[in-house]
N, C-alpha and C. Protein backbone atom coordinates (compact mmCIF):
# COMPACT_ATOMS: atom_id res chain seq x y z
N MET A 1 106.70 30.60 154.17
CA MET A 1 105.79 30.15 155.22
C MET A 1 105.33 28.72 154.93
N GLY A 2 105.05 28.44 153.66
CA GLY A 2 104.62 27.09 153.29
C GLY A 2 105.70 26.07 153.60
N VAL A 3 106.95 26.41 153.32
CA VAL A 3 108.07 25.50 153.60
C VAL A 3 108.18 25.26 155.10
N ALA A 4 108.04 26.34 155.89
CA ALA A 4 108.14 26.22 157.35
C ALA A 4 107.06 25.30 157.90
N ILE A 5 105.83 25.41 157.39
CA ILE A 5 104.72 24.56 157.86
C ILE A 5 104.99 23.11 157.54
N ILE A 6 105.51 22.83 156.32
CA ILE A 6 105.80 21.45 155.94
C ILE A 6 106.82 20.84 156.89
N VAL A 7 107.88 21.61 157.20
CA VAL A 7 108.96 21.09 158.06
C VAL A 7 108.45 20.83 159.46
N VAL A 8 107.66 21.78 160.00
CA VAL A 8 107.17 21.64 161.38
C VAL A 8 106.13 20.53 161.48
N ALA A 9 105.22 20.51 160.53
CA ALA A 9 104.13 19.54 160.60
C ALA A 9 104.60 18.13 160.26
N VAL A 10 105.43 17.99 159.27
CA VAL A 10 105.87 16.66 158.84
C VAL A 10 107.41 16.66 158.74
N PRO A 11 108.13 16.14 159.72
CA PRO A 11 109.59 16.13 159.67
C PRO A 11 110.13 15.44 158.42
N GLU A 12 109.39 14.44 157.95
CA GLU A 12 109.83 13.74 156.76
C GLU A 12 109.80 14.64 155.52
N GLY A 13 109.13 15.79 155.66
CA GLY A 13 109.03 16.71 154.53
C GLY A 13 110.24 17.62 154.38
N LEU A 14 111.21 17.50 155.30
CA LEU A 14 112.39 18.36 155.23
C LEU A 14 113.16 18.21 153.91
N PRO A 15 113.48 16.97 153.48
CA PRO A 15 114.18 16.84 152.19
C PRO A 15 113.40 17.46 151.03
N LEU A 16 112.05 17.27 151.08
CA LEU A 16 111.22 17.85 150.04
C LEU A 16 111.28 19.37 150.09
N ALA A 17 111.27 19.92 151.31
CA ALA A 17 111.31 21.37 151.47
C ALA A 17 112.62 21.94 150.92
N VAL A 18 113.71 21.22 151.17
CA VAL A 18 115.01 21.67 150.66
C VAL A 18 115.01 21.68 149.14
N MET A 19 114.47 20.61 148.56
CA MET A 19 114.42 20.52 147.10
C MET A 19 113.58 21.65 146.51
N ILE A 20 112.44 21.95 147.17
CA ILE A 20 111.56 23.02 146.68
C ILE A 20 112.29 24.36 146.75
N SER A 21 113.01 24.58 147.86
CA SER A 21 113.74 25.85 148.03
C SER A 21 114.81 26.02 146.96
N LEU A 22 115.56 24.92 146.70
CA LEU A 22 116.62 24.98 145.71
C LEU A 22 116.05 25.20 144.30
N ALA A 23 114.93 24.51 144.02
CA ALA A 23 114.29 24.68 142.72
C ALA A 23 113.82 26.12 142.53
N TYR A 24 113.30 26.71 143.61
CA TYR A 24 112.86 28.11 143.56
C TYR A 24 114.07 29.02 143.31
N SER A 25 115.20 28.70 143.95
CA SER A 25 116.42 29.50 143.77
C SER A 25 116.89 29.44 142.32
N ILE A 26 116.82 28.26 141.72
CA ILE A 26 117.23 28.11 140.33
C ILE A 26 116.38 28.98 139.41
N SER A 27 115.08 29.01 139.66
CA SER A 27 114.21 29.81 138.80
C SER A 27 114.51 31.29 138.97
N ARG A 28 114.89 31.71 140.19
CA ARG A 28 115.26 33.11 140.41
C ARG A 28 116.56 33.45 139.70
N MET A 29 117.53 32.52 139.75
CA MET A 29 118.83 32.75 139.11
C MET A 29 118.70 32.76 137.59
N LEU A 30 117.75 31.98 137.08
CA LEU A 30 117.54 31.92 135.63
C LEU A 30 117.07 33.27 135.10
N LYS A 31 116.35 34.01 135.92
CA LYS A 31 115.90 35.34 135.51
C LYS A 31 117.07 36.30 135.32
N ASP A 32 118.20 36.00 136.01
CA ASP A 32 119.42 36.80 135.89
C ASP A 32 120.37 36.21 134.85
N ASN A 33 119.81 35.34 133.98
CA ASN A 33 120.61 34.68 132.93
C ASN A 33 121.74 33.83 133.49
N ASN A 34 121.50 33.23 134.64
CA ASN A 34 122.48 32.35 135.27
C ASN A 34 121.90 30.95 135.29
N ASP A 35 122.32 30.12 134.34
CA ASP A 35 121.76 28.77 134.19
C ASP A 35 122.48 27.80 135.12
N VAL A 36 121.78 27.24 136.07
CA VAL A 36 122.35 26.30 137.04
C VAL A 36 121.91 24.89 136.69
N LYS A 37 122.88 23.99 136.55
CA LYS A 37 122.57 22.62 136.14
C LYS A 37 122.25 21.73 137.34
N ARG A 38 122.94 21.96 138.45
CA ARG A 38 122.74 21.10 139.63
C ARG A 38 122.11 21.90 140.76
N LEU A 39 121.14 21.30 141.43
CA LEU A 39 120.45 21.98 142.52
C LEU A 39 121.41 22.38 143.65
N SER A 40 122.36 21.51 143.94
CA SER A 40 123.27 21.77 145.05
C SER A 40 124.14 23.00 144.81
N SER A 41 124.29 23.38 143.54
CA SER A 41 125.13 24.53 143.23
C SER A 41 124.57 25.83 143.81
N CYS A 42 123.26 25.91 143.92
CA CYS A 42 122.64 27.12 144.50
C CYS A 42 123.09 27.33 145.93
N GLU A 43 123.10 26.24 146.70
CA GLU A 43 123.51 26.34 148.10
C GLU A 43 124.99 26.71 148.21
N ILE A 44 125.81 26.11 147.32
CA ILE A 44 127.25 26.40 147.34
C ILE A 44 127.51 27.86 146.99
N MET A 45 126.85 28.34 145.94
CA MET A 45 127.05 29.72 145.51
C MET A 45 126.53 30.71 146.54
N GLY A 46 125.53 30.29 147.30
CA GLY A 46 124.99 31.17 148.35
C GLY A 46 126.00 31.46 149.43
N GLY A 47 126.98 30.57 149.59
CA GLY A 47 128.00 30.78 150.63
C GLY A 47 129.27 31.41 150.10
N ALA A 48 129.27 31.81 148.82
CA ALA A 48 130.48 32.40 148.23
C ALA A 48 130.59 33.88 148.57
N ASP A 49 131.76 34.27 149.03
CA ASP A 49 132.02 35.68 149.34
C ASP A 49 132.72 36.38 148.18
N ASN A 50 133.67 35.65 147.54
CA ASN A 50 134.43 36.22 146.42
C ASN A 50 134.41 35.25 145.25
N ILE A 51 134.22 35.79 144.06
CA ILE A 51 134.27 34.99 142.84
C ILE A 51 135.44 35.48 142.00
N CYS A 52 136.41 34.59 141.75
CA CYS A 52 137.59 34.95 140.96
C CYS A 52 137.40 34.40 139.55
N SER A 53 137.57 35.25 138.57
CA SER A 53 137.35 34.86 137.18
C SER A 53 138.62 35.01 136.38
N ASP A 54 138.94 34.02 135.55
CA ASP A 54 140.07 34.10 134.64
C ASP A 54 139.70 35.02 133.49
N LYS A 55 140.47 36.11 133.32
CA LYS A 55 140.07 37.11 132.32
C LYS A 55 140.30 36.65 130.89
N THR A 56 141.30 35.77 130.66
CA THR A 56 141.62 35.37 129.29
C THR A 56 140.49 34.53 128.71
N GLY A 57 139.82 35.06 127.74
CA GLY A 57 138.75 34.33 127.09
C GLY A 57 137.41 34.48 127.78
N THR A 58 137.41 35.01 129.01
CA THR A 58 136.16 35.22 129.72
C THR A 58 135.65 36.63 129.48
N LEU A 59 136.56 37.59 129.65
CA LEU A 59 136.19 38.99 129.44
C LEU A 59 136.76 39.53 128.14
N THR A 60 137.64 38.75 127.50
CA THR A 60 138.25 39.20 126.25
C THR A 60 137.99 38.16 125.17
N MET A 61 138.62 38.34 124.00
CA MET A 61 138.42 37.43 122.88
C MET A 61 139.35 36.23 122.92
N ASN A 62 140.22 36.16 123.94
CA ASN A 62 141.19 35.06 124.06
C ASN A 62 142.17 35.07 122.88
N LEU A 63 142.46 36.26 122.38
CA LEU A 63 143.43 36.44 121.30
C LEU A 63 144.54 37.35 121.81
N MET A 64 145.73 36.76 122.01
CA MET A 64 146.86 37.54 122.50
C MET A 64 147.85 37.76 121.37
N LYS A 65 148.62 38.86 121.47
CA LYS A 65 149.62 39.16 120.46
C LYS A 65 150.88 39.66 121.16
N VAL A 66 152.03 39.29 120.61
CA VAL A 66 153.31 39.77 121.13
C VAL A 66 153.46 41.23 120.72
N THR A 67 153.64 42.12 121.68
CA THR A 67 153.77 43.55 121.39
C THR A 67 155.17 44.07 121.71
N LYS A 68 155.87 43.40 122.66
CA LYS A 68 157.21 43.85 123.02
C LYS A 68 158.10 42.65 123.31
N ILE A 69 159.38 42.81 123.01
CA ILE A 69 160.39 41.79 123.32
C ILE A 69 161.55 42.51 123.99
N TRP A 70 162.09 41.91 125.03
CA TRP A 70 163.30 42.47 125.64
C TRP A 70 164.48 41.62 125.20
N ALA A 71 165.41 42.23 124.50
CA ALA A 71 166.61 41.53 124.02
C ALA A 71 167.79 42.46 124.22
N GLY A 72 168.12 42.72 125.48
CA GLY A 72 169.16 43.69 125.79
C GLY A 72 168.61 45.10 125.83
N SER A 73 167.52 45.30 125.13
CA SER A 73 166.78 46.57 125.15
C SER A 73 165.34 46.27 124.75
N ASP A 74 164.46 47.20 125.03
CA ASP A 74 163.05 47.01 124.67
C ASP A 74 162.86 47.15 123.17
N LEU A 75 162.16 46.19 122.60
CA LEU A 75 161.82 46.24 121.17
C LEU A 75 160.32 46.15 121.03
N THR A 76 159.75 47.09 120.30
CA THR A 76 158.31 47.08 120.05
C THR A 76 158.04 46.34 118.74
N VAL A 77 157.18 45.34 118.81
CA VAL A 77 156.84 44.55 117.63
C VAL A 77 155.81 45.31 116.81
N PRO A 78 156.09 45.58 115.54
CA PRO A 78 155.10 46.29 114.70
C PRO A 78 153.77 45.53 114.67
N GLN A 79 152.69 46.28 114.85
CA GLN A 79 151.37 45.66 114.89
C GLN A 79 150.46 46.15 113.78
N THR A 80 151.03 46.50 112.63
CA THR A 80 150.20 47.01 111.54
C THR A 80 149.38 45.90 110.92
N PHE A 81 148.14 46.22 110.57
CA PHE A 81 147.23 45.26 109.97
C PHE A 81 147.08 45.55 108.48
N MET A 82 146.78 44.51 107.78
CA MET A 82 146.59 44.65 106.33
C MET A 82 145.15 44.99 105.97
N GLU A 83 144.20 44.47 106.75
CA GLU A 83 142.79 44.63 106.39
C GLU A 83 141.99 45.06 107.61
N GLY A 84 142.18 46.28 108.05
CA GLY A 84 141.45 46.74 109.21
C GLY A 84 141.95 46.08 110.49
N ASP A 85 141.25 46.28 111.57
CA ASP A 85 141.68 45.79 112.87
C ASP A 85 141.64 44.29 113.00
N SER A 86 140.79 43.62 112.25
CA SER A 86 140.64 42.17 112.41
C SER A 86 141.33 41.38 111.32
N GLY A 87 142.01 42.04 110.41
CA GLY A 87 142.66 41.36 109.30
C GLY A 87 144.00 40.76 109.70
N PRO A 88 144.64 40.02 108.77
CA PRO A 88 145.93 39.42 109.06
C PRO A 88 147.01 40.48 109.23
N MET A 89 147.99 40.19 110.08
CA MET A 89 149.06 41.14 110.35
C MET A 89 150.16 40.98 109.31
N THR A 90 150.84 42.09 109.00
CA THR A 90 151.90 42.06 108.00
C THR A 90 153.09 41.26 108.50
N ASN A 91 153.84 40.69 107.57
CA ASN A 91 155.02 39.93 107.93
C ASN A 91 156.13 40.85 108.44
N LEU A 92 156.99 40.28 109.28
CA LEU A 92 158.11 41.02 109.84
C LEU A 92 159.40 40.52 109.20
N SER A 93 160.47 41.26 109.42
CA SER A 93 161.79 40.86 108.95
C SER A 93 162.78 41.10 110.07
N TRP A 94 163.54 40.07 110.44
CA TRP A 94 164.55 40.22 111.48
C TRP A 94 165.51 41.36 111.10
N ASP A 95 165.91 41.42 109.83
CA ASP A 95 166.95 42.35 109.39
C ASP A 95 166.54 43.81 109.60
N SER A 96 165.29 44.11 109.31
CA SER A 96 164.86 45.51 109.38
C SER A 96 164.34 45.91 110.75
N TRP A 97 164.09 44.92 111.59
CA TRP A 97 163.40 45.23 112.85
C TRP A 97 164.23 44.90 114.08
N PHE A 98 165.11 43.88 113.97
CA PHE A 98 165.83 43.39 115.14
C PHE A 98 167.20 44.05 115.24
N PRO A 99 167.89 43.95 116.40
CA PRO A 99 169.24 44.52 116.55
C PRO A 99 170.22 43.92 115.55
N LYS A 100 171.41 44.50 115.50
CA LYS A 100 172.41 44.11 114.50
C LYS A 100 172.92 42.68 114.68
N THR A 101 172.77 42.10 115.84
CA THR A 101 173.21 40.72 116.05
C THR A 101 172.06 39.75 115.83
N ASN A 102 172.38 38.56 115.35
CA ASN A 102 171.34 37.55 115.14
C ASN A 102 171.30 36.53 116.28
N VAL A 103 172.10 36.76 117.34
CA VAL A 103 172.12 35.84 118.48
C VAL A 103 170.76 35.82 119.17
N HIS A 104 170.19 37.00 119.39
CA HIS A 104 168.87 37.08 120.02
C HIS A 104 167.82 36.39 119.17
N ALA A 105 167.88 36.64 117.87
CA ALA A 105 166.90 36.05 116.96
C ALA A 105 166.96 34.52 117.04
N MET A 106 168.17 33.96 117.08
CA MET A 106 168.33 32.51 117.14
C MET A 106 167.72 31.95 118.42
N HIS A 107 168.00 32.60 119.56
CA HIS A 107 167.46 32.12 120.83
C HIS A 107 165.94 32.19 120.86
N ILE A 108 165.40 33.27 120.33
CA ILE A 108 163.94 33.42 120.32
C ILE A 108 163.30 32.37 119.42
N GLU A 109 163.87 32.15 118.25
CA GLU A 109 163.33 31.15 117.33
C GLU A 109 163.36 29.76 117.95
N HIS A 110 164.50 29.39 118.53
CA HIS A 110 164.62 28.07 119.16
C HIS A 110 163.69 27.93 120.36
N GLY A 111 163.63 29.00 121.16
CA GLY A 111 162.80 28.96 122.36
C GLY A 111 161.33 28.76 122.06
N ILE A 112 160.84 29.46 121.04
CA ILE A 112 159.42 29.36 120.70
C ILE A 112 159.13 28.06 119.95
N ALA A 113 159.96 27.74 118.96
CA ALA A 113 159.70 26.56 118.12
C ALA A 113 159.82 25.26 118.91
N CYS A 114 160.78 25.21 119.86
CA CYS A 114 161.06 23.95 120.55
C CYS A 114 160.49 23.90 121.96
N ASN A 115 160.18 25.04 122.55
CA ASN A 115 159.71 25.05 123.93
C ASN A 115 158.28 25.56 124.03
N THR A 116 157.43 25.03 123.15
CA THR A 116 156.00 25.36 123.16
C THR A 116 155.21 24.11 123.49
N ALA A 117 154.17 24.28 124.29
CA ALA A 117 153.37 23.14 124.73
C ALA A 117 152.75 22.40 123.56
N ASP A 118 152.58 21.06 123.73
CA ASP A 118 151.96 20.25 122.68
C ASP A 118 150.52 20.67 122.42
N LYS A 119 149.86 21.15 123.48
CA LYS A 119 148.51 21.69 123.34
C LYS A 119 148.60 23.18 123.70
N PRO A 120 148.96 24.02 122.72
CA PRO A 120 149.25 25.42 123.01
C PRO A 120 148.05 26.20 123.49
N GLY A 121 148.30 27.06 124.48
CA GLY A 121 147.28 27.97 124.97
C GLY A 121 147.38 29.29 124.22
N ALA A 122 146.68 30.30 124.73
CA ALA A 122 146.64 31.60 124.04
C ALA A 122 148.02 32.23 123.98
N THR A 123 148.81 32.11 125.04
CA THR A 123 150.16 32.70 125.06
C THR A 123 151.06 32.02 124.05
N ASP A 124 151.02 30.67 124.03
CA ASP A 124 151.84 29.92 123.08
C ASP A 124 151.46 30.26 121.64
N ARG A 125 150.16 30.38 121.39
CA ARG A 125 149.71 30.70 120.03
C ARG A 125 150.19 32.07 119.59
N ALA A 126 150.22 33.02 120.54
CA ALA A 126 150.69 34.37 120.21
C ALA A 126 152.16 34.34 119.81
N MET A 127 152.95 33.51 120.50
CA MET A 127 154.38 33.45 120.18
C MET A 127 154.64 32.72 118.87
N THR A 128 153.90 31.64 118.63
CA THR A 128 154.08 30.93 117.36
C THR A 128 153.60 31.79 116.18
N GLU A 129 152.61 32.63 116.42
CA GLU A 129 152.17 33.55 115.38
C GLU A 129 153.29 34.54 115.03
N LEU A 130 154.06 34.94 116.06
CA LEU A 130 155.19 35.84 115.82
C LEU A 130 156.19 35.18 114.87
N LEU A 131 156.49 33.90 115.10
CA LEU A 131 157.41 33.18 114.21
C LEU A 131 156.84 33.07 112.81
N ASP A 132 155.53 32.86 112.71
CA ASP A 132 154.89 32.79 111.40
C ASP A 132 155.07 34.11 110.65
N ARG A 133 154.91 35.22 111.36
CA ARG A 133 155.06 36.53 110.74
C ARG A 133 156.51 36.78 110.33
N LEU A 134 157.45 36.17 111.07
CA LEU A 134 158.86 36.30 110.73
C LEU A 134 159.28 35.28 109.68
N GLN A 135 158.29 34.48 109.21
CA GLN A 135 158.50 33.47 108.18
C GLN A 135 159.59 32.46 108.57
N VAL A 136 159.50 32.03 109.85
CA VAL A 136 160.44 31.04 110.38
C VAL A 136 159.80 29.66 110.25
N ASP A 137 160.56 28.67 109.80
CA ASP A 137 160.06 27.30 109.66
C ASP A 137 160.15 26.60 111.01
N SER A 138 159.11 26.76 111.83
CA SER A 138 159.10 26.20 113.19
C SER A 138 159.21 24.69 113.18
N LYS A 139 158.56 24.05 112.23
CA LYS A 139 158.56 22.59 112.16
C LYS A 139 159.97 22.05 111.90
N ALA A 140 160.71 22.72 111.04
CA ALA A 140 162.08 22.30 110.73
C ALA A 140 162.98 22.43 111.96
N LEU A 141 162.81 23.53 112.71
CA LEU A 141 163.60 23.72 113.93
C LEU A 141 163.25 22.66 114.97
N PHE A 142 161.97 22.35 115.07
CA PHE A 142 161.50 21.34 116.01
C PHE A 142 162.14 19.98 115.71
N GLU A 143 162.10 19.61 114.44
CA GLU A 143 162.63 18.30 114.04
C GLU A 143 164.14 18.24 114.18
N LYS A 144 164.82 19.36 113.96
CA LYS A 144 166.28 19.37 114.02
C LYS A 144 166.80 19.33 115.45
N HIS A 145 166.15 20.05 116.36
CA HIS A 145 166.71 20.24 117.69
C HIS A 145 166.05 19.41 118.80
N LEU A 146 164.98 18.71 118.47
CA LEU A 146 164.36 17.86 119.48
C LEU A 146 164.47 16.41 119.04
N GLY A 147 165.10 15.61 119.89
CA GLY A 147 165.30 14.21 119.55
C GLY A 147 164.01 13.42 119.58
N LEU A 148 164.12 12.15 119.18
CA LEU A 148 162.94 11.28 119.15
C LEU A 148 162.33 11.15 120.54
N HIS A 149 163.19 11.05 121.54
CA HIS A 149 162.73 10.97 122.94
C HIS A 149 163.12 12.28 123.62
N LYS A 150 162.40 13.34 123.24
CA LYS A 150 162.75 14.68 123.73
C LYS A 150 162.60 14.78 125.25
N LEU A 151 163.50 15.56 125.83
CA LEU A 151 163.48 15.76 127.28
C LEU A 151 162.77 17.07 127.57
N ARG A 152 161.59 16.96 128.14
CA ARG A 152 160.76 18.14 128.39
C ARG A 152 160.15 18.06 129.77
N PHE A 153 160.13 19.20 130.43
CA PHE A 153 159.47 19.32 131.73
C PHE A 153 158.27 20.24 131.53
N PRO A 154 157.07 19.69 131.48
CA PRO A 154 155.88 20.51 131.16
C PRO A 154 155.58 21.53 132.23
N PHE A 155 154.81 22.54 131.85
CA PHE A 155 154.42 23.59 132.78
C PHE A 155 153.53 23.01 133.87
N SER A 156 153.74 23.46 135.09
CA SER A 156 152.87 23.08 136.21
C SER A 156 152.70 24.30 137.10
N SER A 157 151.59 24.34 137.81
CA SER A 157 151.33 25.48 138.69
C SER A 157 152.32 25.54 139.83
N LYS A 158 152.94 24.40 140.17
CA LYS A 158 153.93 24.37 141.25
C LYS A 158 155.26 24.95 140.78
N ARG A 159 155.72 24.53 139.56
CA ARG A 159 157.00 25.01 139.03
C ARG A 159 156.87 26.39 138.39
N LYS A 160 155.69 26.68 137.86
CA LYS A 160 155.41 27.94 137.17
C LYS A 160 156.37 28.18 136.00
N ARG A 161 156.79 27.12 135.39
CA ARG A 161 157.66 27.24 134.23
C ARG A 161 157.63 25.95 133.42
N MET A 162 158.07 26.06 132.17
CA MET A 162 158.20 24.92 131.28
C MET A 162 159.62 24.91 130.76
N SER A 163 160.21 23.72 130.65
CA SER A 163 161.61 23.63 130.22
C SER A 163 161.76 22.51 129.20
N THR A 164 162.62 22.77 128.20
CA THR A 164 162.90 21.78 127.16
C THR A 164 164.39 21.79 126.84
N VAL A 165 164.99 20.61 126.72
CA VAL A 165 166.39 20.49 126.34
C VAL A 165 166.48 20.43 124.82
N VAL A 166 167.22 21.38 124.24
CA VAL A 166 167.40 21.46 122.80
C VAL A 166 168.77 20.89 122.43
N GLU A 167 168.82 20.07 121.38
CA GLU A 167 170.04 19.38 120.98
C GLU A 167 170.57 19.89 119.63
N ASN A 168 171.72 19.32 119.23
CA ASN A 168 172.32 19.59 117.92
C ASN A 168 172.60 21.08 117.71
N LEU A 169 173.23 21.67 118.71
CA LEU A 169 173.55 23.09 118.64
C LEU A 169 175.06 23.30 118.66
N GLU A 170 175.49 24.40 118.06
CA GLU A 170 176.89 24.79 118.18
C GLU A 170 177.03 25.67 119.42
N THR A 171 177.39 25.04 120.53
CA THR A 171 177.47 25.75 121.80
C THR A 171 178.89 25.74 122.33
N THR A 172 179.12 26.59 123.33
CA THR A 172 180.45 26.66 123.95
C THR A 172 180.70 25.46 124.86
N ASN A 173 179.63 24.77 125.29
CA ASN A 173 179.84 23.58 126.10
C ASN A 173 180.02 22.37 125.20
N SER A 174 180.52 21.30 125.77
CA SER A 174 180.85 20.11 124.98
C SER A 174 179.63 19.22 124.70
N TYR A 175 178.49 19.57 125.28
CA TYR A 175 177.31 18.71 125.13
C TYR A 175 176.50 19.02 123.87
N GLY A 176 176.60 20.23 123.36
CA GLY A 176 175.79 20.61 122.22
C GLY A 176 174.32 20.69 122.56
N LYS A 177 174.04 21.00 123.82
CA LYS A 177 172.65 21.08 124.29
C LYS A 177 172.41 22.42 124.98
N ARG A 178 171.16 22.82 125.03
CA ARG A 178 170.78 24.03 125.75
C ARG A 178 169.41 23.82 126.36
N LEU A 179 169.21 24.35 127.54
CA LEU A 179 167.91 24.26 128.23
C LEU A 179 167.16 25.57 128.03
N HIS A 180 165.99 25.49 127.41
CA HIS A 180 165.14 26.67 127.25
C HIS A 180 164.07 26.66 128.34
N VAL A 181 163.92 27.77 129.02
CA VAL A 181 162.95 27.90 130.12
C VAL A 181 161.96 29.00 129.79
N LYS A 182 160.68 28.72 130.03
CA LYS A 182 159.62 29.70 129.78
C LYS A 182 158.64 29.64 130.93
N GLY A 183 158.22 30.79 131.43
CA GLY A 183 157.28 30.78 132.53
C GLY A 183 157.11 32.16 133.15
N ALA A 184 156.71 32.17 134.43
CA ALA A 184 156.50 33.43 135.15
C ALA A 184 157.82 34.20 135.19
N SER A 185 157.76 35.51 134.97
CA SER A 185 158.97 36.31 134.83
C SER A 185 159.89 36.22 136.04
N GLU A 186 159.32 36.23 137.26
CA GLU A 186 160.17 36.18 138.45
C GLU A 186 160.84 34.82 138.59
N ILE A 187 160.16 33.76 138.12
CA ILE A 187 160.73 32.42 138.18
C ILE A 187 161.89 32.29 137.18
N VAL A 188 161.67 32.77 135.96
CA VAL A 188 162.72 32.70 134.93
C VAL A 188 163.92 33.53 135.36
N LYS A 189 163.67 34.71 135.91
CA LYS A 189 164.77 35.59 136.33
C LYS A 189 165.62 34.91 137.40
N ASN A 190 164.98 34.21 138.32
CA ASN A 190 165.72 33.53 139.39
C ASN A 190 166.55 32.36 138.87
N CYS A 191 166.24 31.86 137.67
CA CYS A 191 167.01 30.77 137.07
C CYS A 191 168.27 31.28 136.37
N CYS A 192 168.37 32.60 136.21
CA CYS A 192 169.45 33.17 135.38
C CYS A 192 170.57 33.75 136.23
N SER A 193 171.79 33.63 135.69
CA SER A 193 172.95 34.26 136.32
C SER A 193 173.53 35.36 135.42
N HIS A 194 173.26 35.31 134.10
CA HIS A 194 173.76 36.27 133.14
C HIS A 194 172.67 36.61 132.12
N TYR A 195 172.91 37.60 131.33
CA TYR A 195 172.00 37.91 130.23
C TYR A 195 172.81 38.46 129.06
N LEU A 196 172.21 38.48 127.89
CA LEU A 196 172.85 39.00 126.69
C LEU A 196 172.45 40.46 126.51
N ASP A 197 173.45 41.32 126.27
CA ASP A 197 173.13 42.72 126.02
C ASP A 197 172.63 42.89 124.60
N VAL A 198 172.40 44.13 124.20
CA VAL A 198 171.81 44.40 122.90
C VAL A 198 172.72 43.93 121.75
N ASP A 199 174.03 43.82 122.01
CA ASP A 199 174.96 43.37 120.98
C ASP A 199 175.21 41.87 121.03
N GLY A 200 174.52 41.16 121.94
CA GLY A 200 174.68 39.72 122.02
C GLY A 200 175.82 39.27 122.91
N ASN A 201 176.41 40.20 123.67
CA ASN A 201 177.50 39.83 124.58
C ASN A 201 176.95 39.39 125.93
N VAL A 202 177.61 38.38 126.55
CA VAL A 202 177.18 37.88 127.86
C VAL A 202 177.56 38.90 128.93
């Protein structure tokens, strides 16, 4: 009622009335543990119908772990801990855990070591942790297969994938290069024409 009287009686008081209303809204939101820094945010939030929240790190601990790998067949990654649930995870061995062929292992090692973002997110960190557990020298692979002027296409929301050209490989093509692609599953699948079975055959 006080705000209405100010607006009706003194038109110049409208900006002041708006400020008072927004300040009052901020104090109400603060009681709900919602700290608002800008007054205008109250008005914007008042018009919101849906709030979409990124779950990674917002509702969880932002700690991801590789639990399964598909390499011609589903493989479950052992998740045993050494010191309770929060302790370091035990090391893995390709020989005891992976299929009889090492072709899959080579592709996974190259893909993770060479096709990981320079500023890794939670997903990238989970994959590099897998290599650490497998006791793979990621830095050596990076230096060997990525040239001084590496050719990389960074991840973007439009492409929904990241791609890196890996060099110095013994490949069936004459270039000695391979393109590693990482991204949304449907996008990666659409880039493929063949796959390797559990024995490493095309």
